[in-house]
Amino acid sequence: MSPDKTVPDIAAARARLTSRRAELLQRLERVDADQRHLNDPLSADFAEAANQTSNDEVLGAIGDTVRIEIADIDAALARMTAGRYGLCAACGKPIEAARLAAVPYSLRCTACID
C-alpha cells in the first residue's frame, strides 16, 4: 500500500499478482502432465489403476482451483488497467489494505463479503 494506506500500491500489487500467476501456471502444467500420465502410465493392475483414477479426481479438483485463482488474478490485473483495482465491486468504497494484502485479487471490502 502507499504511505496513506488508502490507495493500493498498484506496481507492487501487479508484481505480486504476476508472480503468483506464473507460479500457478507452472503448477497447472504439472497437474495437467500428471493427469495425462506422462511420467506414470496407467497400470494394468486393477487396484493400482483404481488408485490412479482416484488420484486423477484429486488432480482435477486441484486443477480447477488453480484455474479459478488464475481467472481471479487476471480479473484483478484487468481492474488495475481500468483504474478500478482496490475498489469494492459492491459498494465502490476502497477495499481495506489488510484484505488486499491477504487476498490481492479481492473484489469486495470486508463489509460487503457477507
PDB file of N, CA and C in Angstrom:
ATOM      1  N   MET A   1       0.834  -1.178   0.000  1.00  0.00           N
ATOM      2  CA  MET A   1       0.000   0.000   0.000  1.00  0.00           C
ATOM      3  C   MET A   1       0.879   1.241   0.000  1.00  0.00           C
ATOM      4  N   SER A   2       0.315   2.330  -0.415  1.00  0.00           N
ATOM      5  CA  SER A   2       1.037   3.598  -0.406  1.00  0.00           C
ATOM      6  C   SER A   2       1.114   4.113   1.018  1.00  0.00           C
ATOM      7  N   PRO A   3       1.907   5.164   1.269  1.00  0.00           N
ATOM      8  CA  PRO A   3       2.069   5.647   2.627  1.00  0.00           C
ATOM      9  C   PRO A   3       0.763   6.018   3.322  1.00  0.00           C
ATOM     10  N   ASP A   4      -0.268   6.499   2.587  1.00  0.00           N
ATOM     11  CA  ASP A   4      -1.503   6.872   3.270  1.00  0.00           C
ATOM     12  C   ASP A   4      -2.402   5.669   3.551  1.00  0.00           C
ATOM     13  N   LYS A   5      -2.056   4.498   3.080  1.00  0.00           N
ATOM     14  CA  LYS A   5      -2.721   3.227   3.336  1.00  0.00           C
ATOM     15  C   LYS A   5      -4.150   3.155   2.814  1.00  0.00           C
ATOM     16  N   THR A   6      -4.588   4.105   2.019  1.00  0.00           N
ATOM     17  CA  THR A   6      -5.926   4.030   1.441  1.00  0.00           C
ATOM     18  C   THR A   6      -5.888   3.748  -0.047  1.00  0.00           C
ATOM     19  N   VAL A   7      -4.780   4.045  -0.689  1.00  0.00           N
ATOM     20  CA  VAL A   7      -4.643   3.796  -2.119  1.00  0.00           C
ATOM     21  C   VAL A   7      -3.627   2.675  -2.300  1.00  0.00           C
ATOM     22  N   PRO A   8      -4.031   1.596  -2.979  1.00  0.00           N
ATOM     23  CA  PRO A   8      -3.086   0.484  -3.124  1.00  0.00           C
ATOM     24  C   PRO A   8      -1.882   0.864  -3.982  1.00  0.00           C
ATOM     25  N   ASP A   9      -0.750   0.275  -3.657  1.00  0.00           N
ATOM     26  CA  ASP A   9       0.458   0.419  -4.464  1.00  0.00           C
ATOM     27  C   ASP A   9       0.290  -0.510  -5.661  1.00  0.00           C
ATOM     28  N   ILE A  10      -0.172   0.053  -6.755  1.00  0.00           N
ATOM     29  CA  ILE A  10      -0.521  -0.742  -7.932  1.00  0.00           C
ATOM     30  C   ILE A  10       0.686  -1.509  -8.479  1.00  0.00           C
ATOM     31  N   ALA A  11       1.836  -0.872  -8.518  1.00  0.00           N
ATOM     32  CA  ALA A  11       3.025  -1.541  -9.063  1.00  0.00           C
ATOM     33  C   ALA A  11       3.393  -2.767  -8.229  1.00  0.00           C
ATOM     34  N   ALA A  12       3.362  -2.616  -6.915  1.00  0.00           N
ATOM     35  CA  ALA A  12       3.697  -3.745  -6.043  1.00  0.00           C
ATOM     36  C   ALA A  12       2.638  -4.838  -6.153  1.00  0.00           C
ATOM     37  N   ALA A  13       1.379  -4.451  -6.195  1.00  0.00           N
ATOM     38  CA  ALA A  13       0.307  -5.436  -6.320  1.00  0.00           C
ATOM     39  C   ALA A  13       0.395  -6.157  -7.662  1.00  0.00           C
ATOM     40  N   ARG A  14       0.680  -5.420  -8.729  1.00  0.00           N
ATOM     41  CA  ARG A  14       0.813  -6.037 -10.057  1.00  0.00           C
ATOM     42  C   ARG A  14       1.961  -7.045 -10.057  1.00  0.00           C
ATOM     43  N   ALA A  15       3.084  -6.676  -9.456  1.00  0.00           N
ATOM     44  CA  ALA A  15       4.233  -7.591  -9.402  1.00  0.00           C
ATOM     45  C   ALA A  15       3.880  -8.847  -8.614  1.00  0.00           C
ATOM     46  N   ARG A  16       3.195  -8.668  -7.507  1.00  0.00           N
ATOM     47  CA  ARG A  16       2.811  -9.813  -6.673  1.00  0.00           C
ATOM     48  C   ARG A  16       1.837 -10.729  -7.424  1.00  0.00           C
ATOM     49  N   LEU A  17       0.844 -10.124  -8.062  1.00  0.00           N
ATOM     50  CA  LEU A  17      -0.130 -10.912  -8.812  1.00  0.00           C
ATOM     51  C   LEU A  17       0.507 -11.618 -10.006  1.00  0.00           C
ATOM     52  N   THR A  18       1.386 -10.933 -10.698  1.00  0.00           N
ATOM     53  CA  THR A  18       2.058 -11.518 -11.860  1.00  0.00           C
ATOM     54  C   THR A  18       2.938 -12.696 -11.437  1.00  0.00           C
ATOM     55  N   SER A  19       3.628 -12.545 -10.326  1.00  0.00           N
ATOM     56  CA  SER A  19       4.467 -13.628  -9.808  1.00  0.00           C
ATOM     57  C   SER A  19       3.605 -14.830  -9.408  1.00  0.00           C
ATOM     58  N   ARG A  20       2.523 -14.578  -8.708  1.00  0.00           N
ATOM     59  CA  ARG A  20       1.630 -15.660  -8.279  1.00  0.00           C
ATOM     60  C   ARG A  20       1.027 -16.362  -9.498  1.00  0.00           C
ATOM     61  N   ARG A  21       0.669 -15.587 -10.520  1.00  0.00           N
ATOM     62  CA  ARG A  21       0.100 -16.165 -11.732  1.00  0.00           C
ATOM     63  C   ARG A  21       1.104 -17.108 -12.396  1.00  0.00           C
ATOM     64  N   ALA A  22       2.364 -16.706 -12.454  1.00  0.00           N
ATOM     65  CA  ALA A  22       3.404 -17.556 -13.046  1.00  0.00           C
ATOM     66  C   ALA A  22       3.550 -18.856 -12.254  1.00  0.00           C
ATOM     67  N   GLU A  23       3.520 -18.757 -10.921  1.00  0.00           N
ATOM     68  CA  GLU A  23       3.600 -19.962 -10.077  1.00  0.00           C
ATOM     69  C   GLU A  23       2.429 -20.895 -10.361  1.00  0.00           C
ATOM     70  N   LEU A  24       1.240 -20.315 -10.461  1.00  0.00           N
ATOM     71  CA  LEU A  24       0.045 -21.124 -10.706  1.00  0.00           C
ATOM     72  C   LEU A  24       0.076 -21.781 -12.074  1.00  0.00           C
ATOM     73  N   LEU A  25       0.581 -21.087 -13.074  1.00  0.00           N
ATOM     74  CA  LEU A  25       0.684 -21.684 -14.407  1.00  0.00           C
ATOM     75  C   LEU A  25       1.635 -22.878 -14.398  1.00  0.00           C
ATOM     76  N   GLN A  26       2.733 -22.770 -13.648  1.00  0.00           N
ATOM     77  CA  GLN A  26       3.662 -23.898 -13.533  1.00  0.00           C
ATOM     78  C   GLN A  26       2.979 -25.075 -12.829  1.00  0.00           C
ATOM     79  N   ARG A  27       2.231 -24.771 -11.766  1.00  0.00           N
ATOM     80  CA  ARG A  27       1.518 -25.830 -11.041  1.00  0.00           C
ATOM     81  C   ARG A  27       0.501 -26.497 -11.959  1.00  0.00           C
ATOM     82  N   LEU A  28      -0.200 -25.703 -12.743  1.00  0.00           N
ATOM     83  CA  LEU A  28      -1.209 -26.240 -13.653  1.00  0.00           C
ATOM     84  C   LEU A  28      -0.563 -27.139 -14.707  1.00  0.00           C
ATOM     85  N   GLU A  29       0.599 -26.766 -15.195  1.00  0.00           N
ATOM     86  CA  GLU A  29       1.315 -27.620 -16.154  1.00  0.00           C
ATOM     87  C   GLU A  29       1.639 -28.972 -15.527  1.00  0.00           C
ATOM     88  N   ARG A  30       2.093 -28.956 -14.266  1.00  0.00           N
ATOM     89  CA  ARG A  30       2.417 -30.221 -13.584  1.00  0.00           C
ATOM     90  C   ARG A  30       1.164 -31.068 -13.369  1.00  0.00           C
ATOM     91  N   VAL A  31       0.077 -30.428 -12.963  1.00  0.00           N
ATOM     92  CA  VAL A  31      -1.182 -31.145 -12.754  1.00  0.00           C
ATOM     93  C   VAL A  31      -1.651 -31.767 -14.060  1.00  0.00           C
ATOM     94  N   ASP A  32      -1.629 -30.986 -15.134  1.00  0.00           N
ATOM     95  CA  ASP A  32      -2.060 -31.497 -16.441  1.00  0.00           C
ATOM     96  C   ASP A  32      -1.183 -32.663 -16.899  1.00  0.00           C
ATOM     97  N   ALA A  33       0.115 -32.541 -16.692  1.00  0.00           N
ATOM     98  CA  ALA A  33       1.025 -33.630 -17.077  1.00  0.00           C
ATOM     99  C   ALA A  33       0.733 -34.883 -16.254  1.00  0.00           C
ATOM    100  N   ASP A  34       0.491 -34.703 -14.961  1.00  0.00           N
ATOM    101  CA  ASP A  34       0.172 -35.851 -14.109  1.00  0.00           C
ATOM    102  C   ASP A  34      -1.147 -36.496 -14.531  1.00  0.00           C
ATOM    103  N   GLN A  35      -2.131 -35.683 -14.899  1.00  0.00           N
ATOM    104  CA  GLN A  35      -3.413 -36.239 -15.336  1.00  0.00           C
ATOM    105  C   GLN A  35      -3.298 -36.985 -16.657  1.00  0.00           C
ATOM    106  N   ARG A  36      -2.391 -36.549 -17.503  1.00  0.00           N
ATOM    107  CA  ARG A  36      -2.168 -37.249 -18.779  1.00  0.00           C
ATOM    108  C   ARG A  36      -1.247 -38.454 -18.596  1.00  0.00           C
ATOM    109  N   HIS A  37      -0.759 -38.637 -17.377  1.00  0.00           N
ATOM    110  CA  HIS A  37       0.122 -39.766 -17.044  1.00  0.00           C
ATOM    111  C   HIS A  37       1.354 -39.806 -17.926  1.00  0.00           C
ATOM    112  N   LEU A  38       1.930 -38.625 -18.161  1.00  0.00           N
ATOM    113  CA  LEU A  38       3.125 -38.559 -18.998  1.00  0.00           C
ATOM    114  C   LEU A  38       4.310 -39.259 -18.342  1.00  0.00           C
ATOM    115  N   ASN A  39       4.390 -39.187 -17.016  1.00  0.00           N
ATOM    116  CA  ASN A  39       5.524 -39.799 -16.317  1.00  0.00           C
ATOM    117  C   ASN A  39       5.121 -41.069 -15.578  1.00  0.00           C
ATOM    118  N   ASP A  40       3.833 -41.424 -15.611  1.00  0.00           N
ATOM    119  CA  ASP A  40       3.333 -42.569 -14.855  1.00  0.00           C
ATOM    120  C   ASP A  40       2.150 -43.174 -15.615  1.00  0.00           C
ATOM    121  N   PRO A  41       2.415 -44.025 -16.614  1.00  0.00           N
ATOM    122  CA  PRO A  41       1.311 -44.595 -17.395  1.00  0.00           C
ATOM    123  C   PRO A  41       0.340 -45.368 -16.504  1.00  0.00           C
ATOM    124  N   LEU A  42      -0.916 -45.446 -16.951  1.00  0.00           N
ATOM    125  CA  LEU A  42      -1.914 -46.196 -16.195  1.00  0.00           C
ATOM    126  C   LEU A  42      -1.480 -47.648 -16.056  1.00  0.00           C
ATOM    127  N   SER A  43      -1.681 -48.168 -14.860  1.00  0.00           N
ATOM    128  CA  SER A  43      -1.288 -49.531 -14.544  1.00  0.00           C
ATOM    129  C   SER A  43      -2.303 -50.527 -15.084  1.00  0.00           C
ATOM    130  N   ALA A  44      -1.847 -51.712 -15.425  1.00  0.00           N
ATOM    131  CA  ALA A  44      -2.741 -52.794 -15.843  1.00  0.00           C
ATOM    132  C   ALA A  44      -3.379 -53.453 -14.633  1.00  0.00           C
ATOM    133  N   ASP A  45      -2.776 -53.297 -13.460  1.00  0.00           N
ATOM    134  CA  ASP A  45      -3.299 -53.869 -12.230  1.00  0.00           C
ATOM    135  C   ASP A  45      -4.554 -53.095 -11.821  1.00  0.00           C
ATOM    136  N   PHE A  46      -5.667 -53.818 -11.583  1.00  0.00           N
ATOM    137  CA  PHE A  46      -6.947 -53.170 -11.286  1.00  0.00           C
ATOM    138  C   PHE A  46      -6.871 -52.269 -10.063  1.00  0.00           C
ATOM    139  N   ALA A  47      -6.298 -52.754  -8.973  1.00  0.00           N
ATOM    140  CA  ALA A  47      -6.228 -51.967  -7.740  1.00  0.00           C
ATOM    141  C   ALA A  47      -5.386 -50.711  -7.938  1.00  0.00           C
ATOM    142  N   GLU A  48      -4.279 -50.854  -8.618  1.00  0.00           N
ATOM    143  CA  GLU A  48      -3.411 -49.699  -8.877  1.00  0.00           C
ATOM    144  C   GLU A  48      -4.088 -48.716  -9.822  1.00  0.00           C
ATOM    145  N   ALA A  49      -4.784 -49.223 -10.838  1.00  0.00           N
ATOM    146  CA  ALA A  49      -5.499 -48.357 -11.774  1.00  0.00           C
ATOM    147  C   ALA A  49      -6.608 -47.596 -11.042  1.00  0.00           C
ATOM    148  N   ALA A  50      -7.293 -48.260 -10.100  1.00  0.00           N
ATOM    149  CA  ALA A  50      -8.333 -47.586  -9.311  1.00  0.00           C
ATOM    150  C   ALA A  50      -7.724 -46.472  -8.473  1.00  0.00           C
ATOM    151  N   ASN A  51      -6.565 -46.744  -7.911  1.00  0.00           N
ATOM    152  CA  ASN A  51      -5.862 -45.723  -7.120  1.00  0.00           C
ATOM    153  C   ASN A  51      -5.464 -44.545  -8.007  1.00  0.00           C
ATOM    154  N   GLN A  52      -4.965 -44.834  -9.191  1.00  0.00           N
ATOM    155  CA  GLN A  52      -4.580 -43.774 -10.122  1.00  0.00           C
ATOM    156  C   GLN A  52      -5.803 -42.940 -10.542  1.00  0.00           C
ATOM    157  N   THR A  53      -6.932 -43.598 -10.748  1.00  0.00           N
ATOM    158  CA  THR A  53      -8.155 -42.892 -11.113  1.00  0.00           C
ATOM    159  C   THR A  53      -8.598 -41.978  -9.986  1.00  0.00           C
ATOM    160  N   SER A  54      -8.495 -42.455  -8.765  1.00  0.00           N
ATOM    161  CA  SER A  54      -8.829 -41.626  -7.603  1.00  0.00           C
ATOM    162  C   SER A  54      -7.898 -40.420  -7.527  1.00  0.00           C
ATOM    163  N   ASN A  55      -6.631 -40.643  -7.773  1.00  0.00           N
ATOM    164  CA  ASN A  55      -5.667 -39.543  -7.780  1.00  0.00           C
ATOM    165  C   ASN A  55      -5.986 -38.538  -8.886  1.00  0.00           C
ATOM    166  N   ASP A  56      -6.457 -39.039 -10.020  1.00  0.00           N
ATOM    167  CA  ASP A  56      -6.824 -38.150 -11.126  1.00  0.00           C
ATOM    168  C   ASP A  56      -7.971 -37.226 -10.728  1.00  0.00           C
ATOM    169  N   GLU A  57      -8.904 -37.742  -9.948  1.00  0.00           N
ATOM    170  CA  GLU A  57     -10.018 -36.908  -9.480  1.00  0.00           C
ATOM    171  C   GLU A  57      -9.509 -35.793  -8.577  1.00  0.00           C
ATOM    172  N   VAL A  58      -8.572 -36.111  -7.706  1.00  0.00           N
ATOM    173  CA  VAL A  58      -7.983 -35.097  -6.832  1.00  0.00           C
ATOM    174  C   VAL A  58      -7.224 -34.070  -7.668  1.00  0.00           C
ATOM    175  N   LEU A  59      -6.454 -34.554  -8.629  1.00  0.00           N
ATOM    176  CA  LEU A  59      -5.723 -33.645  -9.508  1.00  0.00           C
ATOM    177  C   LEU A  59      -6.672 -32.737 -10.281  1.00  0.00           C
ATOM    178  N   GLY A  60      -7.797 -33.287 -10.697  1.00  0.00           N
ATOM    179  CA  GLY A  60      -8.784 -32.484 -11.405  1.00  0.00           C
ATOM    180  C   GLY A  60      -9.313 -31.353 -10.527  1.00  0.00           C
ATOM    181  N   ALA A  61      -9.581 -31.652  -9.266  1.00  0.00           N
ATOM    182  CA  ALA A  61     -10.055 -30.628  -8.334  1.00  0.00           C
ATOM    183  C   ALA A  61      -8.979 -29.570  -8.098  1.00  0.00           C
ATOM    184  N   ILE A  62      -7.736 -30.013  -7.974  1.00  0.00           N
ATOM    185  CA  ILE A  62      -6.630 -29.059  -7.800  1.00  0.00           C
ATOM    186  C   ILE A  62      -6.517 -28.173  -9.035  1.00  0.00           C
ATOM    187  N   GLY A  63      -6.588 -28.768 -10.206  1.00  0.00           N
ATOM    188  CA  GLY A  63      -6.516 -28.007 -11.445  1.00  0.00           C
ATOM    189  C   GLY A  63      -7.637 -26.986 -11.554  1.00  0.00           C
ATOM    190  N   ASP A  64      -8.849 -27.388 -11.165  1.00  0.00           N
ATOM    191  CA  ASP A  64      -9.982 -26.454 -11.199  1.00  0.00           C
ATOM    192  C   ASP A  64      -9.744 -25.267 -10.272  1.00  0.00           C
ATOM    193  N   THR A  65      -9.231 -25.536  -9.074  1.00  0.00           N
ATOM    194  CA  THR A  65      -8.952 -24.475  -8.107  1.00  0.00           C
ATOM    195  C   THR A  65      -7.882 -23.524  -8.647  1.00  0.00           C
ATOM    196  N   VAL A  66      -6.855 -24.077  -9.262  1.00  0.00           N
ATOM    197  CA  VAL A  66      -5.786 -23.257  -9.837  1.00  0.00           C
ATOM    198  C   VAL A  66      -6.336 -22.385 -10.965  1.00  0.00           C
ATOM    199  N   ARG A  67      -7.174 -22.954 -11.818  1.00  0.00           N
ATOM    200  CA  ARG A  67      -7.759 -22.177 -12.924  1.00  0.00           C
ATOM    201  C   ARG A  67      -8.620 -21.021 -12.402  1.00  0.00           C
ATOM    202  N   ILE A  68      -9.362 -21.270 -11.332  1.00  0.00           N
ATOM    203  CA  ILE A  68     -10.185 -20.213 -10.742  1.00  0.00           C
ATOM    204  C   ILE A  68      -9.311 -19.089 -10.206  1.00  0.00           C
ATOM    205  N   GLU A  69      -8.229 -19.450  -9.508  1.00  0.00           N
ATOM    206  CA  GLU A  69      -7.352 -18.410  -8.974  1.00  0.00           C
ATOM    207  C   GLU A  69      -6.682 -17.624 -10.100  1.00  0.00           C
ATOM    208  N   ILE A  70      -6.287 -18.294 -11.170  1.00  0.00           N
ATOM    209  CA  ILE A  70      -5.698 -17.588 -12.315  1.00  0.00           C
ATOM    210  C   ILE A  70      -6.722 -16.611 -12.898  1.00  0.00           C
ATOM    211  N   ALA A  71      -7.968 -17.032 -13.025  1.00  0.00           N
ATOM    212  CA  ALA A  71      -9.018 -16.143 -13.549  1.00  0.00           C
ATOM    213  C   ALA A  71      -9.219 -14.947 -12.622  1.00  0.00           C
ATOM    214  N   ASP A  72      -9.170 -15.187 -11.301  1.00  0.00           N
ATOM    215  CA  ASP A  72      -9.305 -14.091 -10.337  1.00  0.00           C
ATOM    216  C   ASP A  72      -8.147 -13.104 -10.474  1.00  0.00           C
ATOM    217  N   ILE A  73      -6.949 -13.621 -10.664  1.00  0.00           N
ATOM    218  CA  ILE A  73      -5.775 -12.769 -10.843  1.00  0.00           C
ATOM    219  C   ILE A  73      -5.890 -11.974 -12.141  1.00  0.00           C
ATOM    220  N   ASP A  74      -6.299 -12.639 -13.212  1.00  0.00           N
ATOM    221  CA  ASP A  74      -6.468 -11.946 -14.488  1.00  0.00           C
ATOM    222  C   ASP A  74      -7.487 -10.817 -14.362  1.00  0.00           C
ATOM    223  N   ALA A  75      -8.567 -11.065 -13.633  1.00  0.00           N
ATOM    224  CA  ALA A  75      -9.588 -10.035 -13.429  1.00  0.00           C
ATOM    225  C   ALA A  75      -9.026  -8.871 -12.617  1.00  0.00           C
ATOM    226  N   ALA A  76      -8.204  -9.172 -11.614  1.00  0.00           N
ATOM    227  CA  ALA A  76      -7.586  -8.104 -10.813  1.00  0.00           C
ATOM    228  C   ALA A  76      -6.634  -7.277 -11.665  1.00  0.00           C
ATOM    229  N   LEU A  77      -5.864  -7.932 -12.518  1.00  0.00           N
ATOM    230  CA  LEU A  77      -4.963  -7.210 -13.410  1.00  0.00           C
ATOM    231  C   LEU A  77      -5.748  -6.324 -14.382  1.00  0.00           C
ATOM    232  N   ALA A  78      -6.891  -6.816 -14.844  1.00  0.00           N
ATOM    233  CA  ALA A  78      -7.744  -6.010 -15.726  1.00  0.00           C
ATOM    234  C   ALA A  78      -8.315  -4.806 -14.971  1.00  0.00           C
ATOM    235  N   ARG A  79      -8.682  -5.003 -13.689  1.00  0.00           N
ATOM    236  CA  ARG A  79      -9.172  -3.874 -12.888  1.00  0.00           C
ATOM    237  C   ARG A  79      -8.075  -2.834 -12.703  1.00  0.00           C
ATOM    238  N   MET A  80      -6.839  -3.276 -12.584  1.00  0.00           N
ATOM    239  CA  MET A  80      -5.724  -2.337 -12.473  1.00  0.00           C
ATOM    240  C   MET A  80      -5.645  -1.474 -13.726  1.00  0.00           C
ATOM    241  N   THR A  81      -5.715  -2.138 -14.870  1.00  0.00           N
ATOM    242  CA  THR A  81      -5.640  -1.430 -16.144  1.00  0.00           C
ATOM    243  C   THR A  81      -6.791  -0.431 -16.284  1.00  0.00           C
ATOM    244  N   ALA A  82      -7.952  -0.811 -15.772  1.00  0.00           N
ATOM    245  CA  ALA A  82      -9.134   0.047 -15.878  1.00  0.00           C
ATOM    246  C   ALA A  82      -9.201   1.105 -14.780  1.00  0.00           C
ATOM    247  N   GLY A  83      -8.248   1.052 -13.824  1.00  0.00           N
ATOM    248  CA  GLY A  83      -8.256   2.021 -12.740  1.00  0.00           C
ATOM    249  C   GLY A  83      -9.268   1.728 -11.653  1.00  0.00           C
ATOM    250  N   ARG A  84      -9.715   0.468 -11.550  1.00  0.00           N
ATOM    251  CA  ARG A  84     -10.720   0.083 -10.549  1.00  0.00           C
ATOM    252  C   ARG A  84     -10.155  -0.843  -9.478  1.00  0.00           C
ATOM    253  N   TYR A  85      -8.871  -1.111  -9.527  1.00  0.00           N
ATOM    254  CA  TYR A  85      -8.278  -2.023  -8.542  1.00  0.00           C
ATOM    255  C   TYR A  85      -8.358  -1.419  -7.148  1.00  0.00           C
ATOM    256  N   GLY A  86      -8.734  -2.238  -6.181  1.00  0.00           N
ATOM    257  CA  GLY A  86      -8.789  -1.808  -4.792  1.00  0.00           C
ATOM    258  C   GLY A  86     -10.105  -1.175  -4.410  1.00  0.00           C
ATOM    259  N   LEU A  87     -11.042  -1.137  -5.351  1.00  0.00           N
ATOM    260  CA  LEU A  87     -12.372  -0.609  -5.051  1.00  0.00           C
ATOM    261  C   LEU A  87     -13.369  -1.760  -4.985  1.00  0.00           C
ATOM    262  N   CYS A  88     -14.212  -1.740  -3.977  1.00  0.00           N
ATOM    263  CA  CYS A  88     -15.197  -2.798  -3.772  1.00  0.00           C
ATOM    264  C   CYS A  88     -16.179  -2.833  -4.937  1.00  0.00           C
ATOM    265  N   ALA A  89     -16.389  -4.020  -5.482  1.00  0.00           N
ATOM    266  CA  ALA A  89     -17.317  -4.190  -6.597  1.00  0.00           C
ATOM    267  C   ALA A  89     -18.764  -4.001  -6.159  1.00  0.00           C
ATOM    268  N   ALA A  90     -19.036  -4.125  -4.861  1.00  0.00           N
ATOM    269  CA  ALA A  90     -20.405  -3.998  -4.373  1.00  0.00           C
ATOM    270  C   ALA A  90     -20.749  -2.565  -3.976  1.00  0.00           C
ATOM    271  N   CYS A  91     -19.888  -1.935  -3.158  1.00  0.00           N
ATOM    272  CA  CYS A  91     -20.224  -0.607  -2.632  1.00  0.00           C
ATOM    273  C   CYS A  91     -19.391   0.518  -3.239  1.00  0.00           C
ATOM    274  N   GLY A  92     -18.299   0.171  -3.916  1.00  0.00           N
ATOM    275  CA  GLY A  92     -17.455   1.178  -4.547  1.00  0.00           C
ATOM    276  C   GLY A  92     -16.442   1.833  -3.633  1.00  0.00           C
ATOM    277  N   LYS A  93     -16.465   1.483  -2.349  1.00  0.00           N
ATOM    278  CA  LYS A  93     -15.503   2.052  -1.403  1.00  0.00           C
ATOM    279  C   LYS A  93     -14.178   1.296  -1.505  1.00  0.00           C
ATOM    280  N   PRO A  94     -13.103   1.891  -1.010  1.00  0.00           N
ATOM    281  CA  PRO A  94     -11.810   1.197  -1.044  1.00  0.00           C
ATOM    282  C   PRO A  94     -11.822  -0.090  -0.217  1.00  0.00           C
ATOM    283  N   ILE A  95     -11.190  -1.105  -0.749  1.00  0.00           N
ATOM    284  CA  ILE A  95     -11.013  -2.361  -0.023  1.00  0.00           C
ATOM    285  C   ILE A  95      -9.877  -2.146   0.976  1.00  0.00           C
ATOM    286  N   GLU A  96     -10.044  -2.659   2.175  1.00  0.00           N
ATOM    287  CA  GLU A  96      -9.068  -2.476   3.240  1.00  0.00           C
ATOM    288  C   GLU A  96      -7.694  -3.002   2.833  1.00  0.00           C
ATOM    289  N   ALA A  97      -6.666  -2.286   3.270  1.00  0.00           N
ATOM    290  CA  ALA A  97      -5.281  -2.653   2.946  1.00  0.00           C
ATOM    291  C   ALA A  97      -4.961  -4.064   3.418  1.00  0.00           C
ATOM    292  N   ALA A  98      -5.415  -4.421   4.609  1.00  0.00           N
ATOM    293  CA  ALA A  98      -5.132  -5.759   5.132  1.00  0.00           C
ATOM    294  C   ALA A  98      -5.778  -6.833   4.266  1.00  0.00           C
ATOM    295  N   ARG A  99      -6.962  -6.560   3.781  1.00  0.00           N
ATOM    296  CA  ARG A  99      -7.649  -7.530   2.918  1.00  0.00           C
ATOM    297  C   ARG A  99      -6.901  -7.693   1.598  1.00  0.00           C
ATOM    298  N   LEU A 100      -6.489  -6.585   0.992  1.00  0.00           N
ATOM    299  CA  LEU A 100      -5.730  -6.675  -0.266  1.00  0.00           C
ATOM    300  C   LEU A 100      -4.372  -7.329  -0.049  1.00  0.00           C
ATOM    301  N   ALA A 101      -3.794  -7.124   1.119  1.00  0.00           N
ATOM    302  CA  ALA A 101      -2.515  -7.772   1.411  1.00  0.00           C
ATOM    303  C   ALA A 101      -2.704  -9.289   1.508  1.00  0.00           C
ATOM    304  N   ALA A 102      -3.823  -9.705   2.092  1.00  0.00           N
ATOM    305  CA  ALA A 102      -4.086 -11.135   2.249  1.00  0.00           C
ATOM    306  C   ALA A 102      -4.560 -11.776   0.947  1.00  0.00           C
ATOM    307  N   VAL A 103      -5.447 -11.078   0.247  1.00  0.00           N
ATOM    308  CA  VAL A 103      -6.020 -11.599  -0.998  1.00  0.00           C
ATOM    309  C   VAL A 103      -5.988 -10.467  -2.021  1.00  0.00           C
ATOM    310  N   PRO A 104      -4.882 -10.346  -2.752  1.00  0.00           N
ATOM    311  CA  PRO A 104      -4.706  -9.185  -3.629  1.00  0.00           C
ATOM    312  C   PRO A 104      -5.694  -9.104  -4.787  1.00  0.00           C
ATOM    313  N   TYR A 105      -6.444 -10.161  -5.040  1.00  0.00           N
ATOM    314  CA  TYR A 105      -7.446 -10.113  -6.102  1.00  0.00           C
ATOM    315  C   TYR A 105      -8.861  -9.981  -5.531  1.00  0.00           C
ATOM    316  N   SER A 106      -8.963  -9.499  -4.291  1.00  0.00           N
ATOM    317  CA  SER A 106     -10.267  -9.317  -3.656  1.00  0.00           C
ATOM    318  C   SER A 106     -11.168  -8.414  -4.488  1.00  0.00           C
ATOM    319  N   LEU A 107     -12.433  -8.789  -4.539  1.00  0.00           N
ATOM    320  CA  LEU A 107     -13.431  -7.995  -5.249  1.00  0.00           C
ATOM    321  C   LEU A 107     -14.231  -7.091  -4.311  1.00  0.00           C
ATOM    322  N   ARG A 108     -14.307  -7.499  -3.047  1.00  0.00           N
ATOM    323  CA  ARG A 108     -15.176  -6.783  -2.119  1.00  0.00           C
ATOM    324  C   ARG A 108     -14.442  -6.449  -0.833  1.00  0.00           C
ATOM    325  N   CYS A 109     -14.894  -5.363  -0.207  1.00  0.00           N
ATOM    326  CA  CYS A 109     -14.379  -4.986   1.113  1.00  0.00           C
ATOM    327  C   CYS A 109     -14.974  -5.948   2.147  1.00  0.00           C
ATOM    328  N   THR A 110     -14.449  -5.915   3.347  1.00  0.00           N
ATOM    329  CA  THR A 110     -14.919  -6.858   4.371  1.00  0.00           C
ATOM    330  C   THR A 110     -16.379  -6.618   4.732  1.00  0.00           C
ATOM    331  N   ALA A 111     -16.858  -5.391   4.633  1.00  0.00           N
ATOM    332  CA  ALA A 111     -18.268  -5.114   4.946  1.00  0.00           C
ATOM    333  C   ALA A 111     -19.209  -5.741   3.929  1.00  0.00           C
ATOM    334  N   CYS A 112     -18.756  -5.963   2.714  1.00  0.00           N
ATOM    335  CA  CYS A 112     -19.619  -6.466   1.647  1.00  0.00           C
ATOM    336  C   CYS A 112     -19.450  -7.956   1.362  1.00  0.00           C
ATOM    337  N   ILE A 113     -18.585  -8.652   2.077  1.00  0.00           N
ATOM    338  CA  ILE A 113     -18.377 -10.073   1.747  1.00  0.00           C
ATOM    339  C   ILE A 113     -19.420 -10.979   2.393  1.00  0.00           C
ATOM    340  N   ASP A 114     -20.206 -10.457   3.293  1.00  0.00           N
ATOM    341  CA  ASP A 114     -21.243 -11.298   3.940  1.00  0.00           C
ATOM    342  C   ASP A 114     -22.400 -11.572   3.038  1.00  0.00           C
TER     343      ASP A 114
END
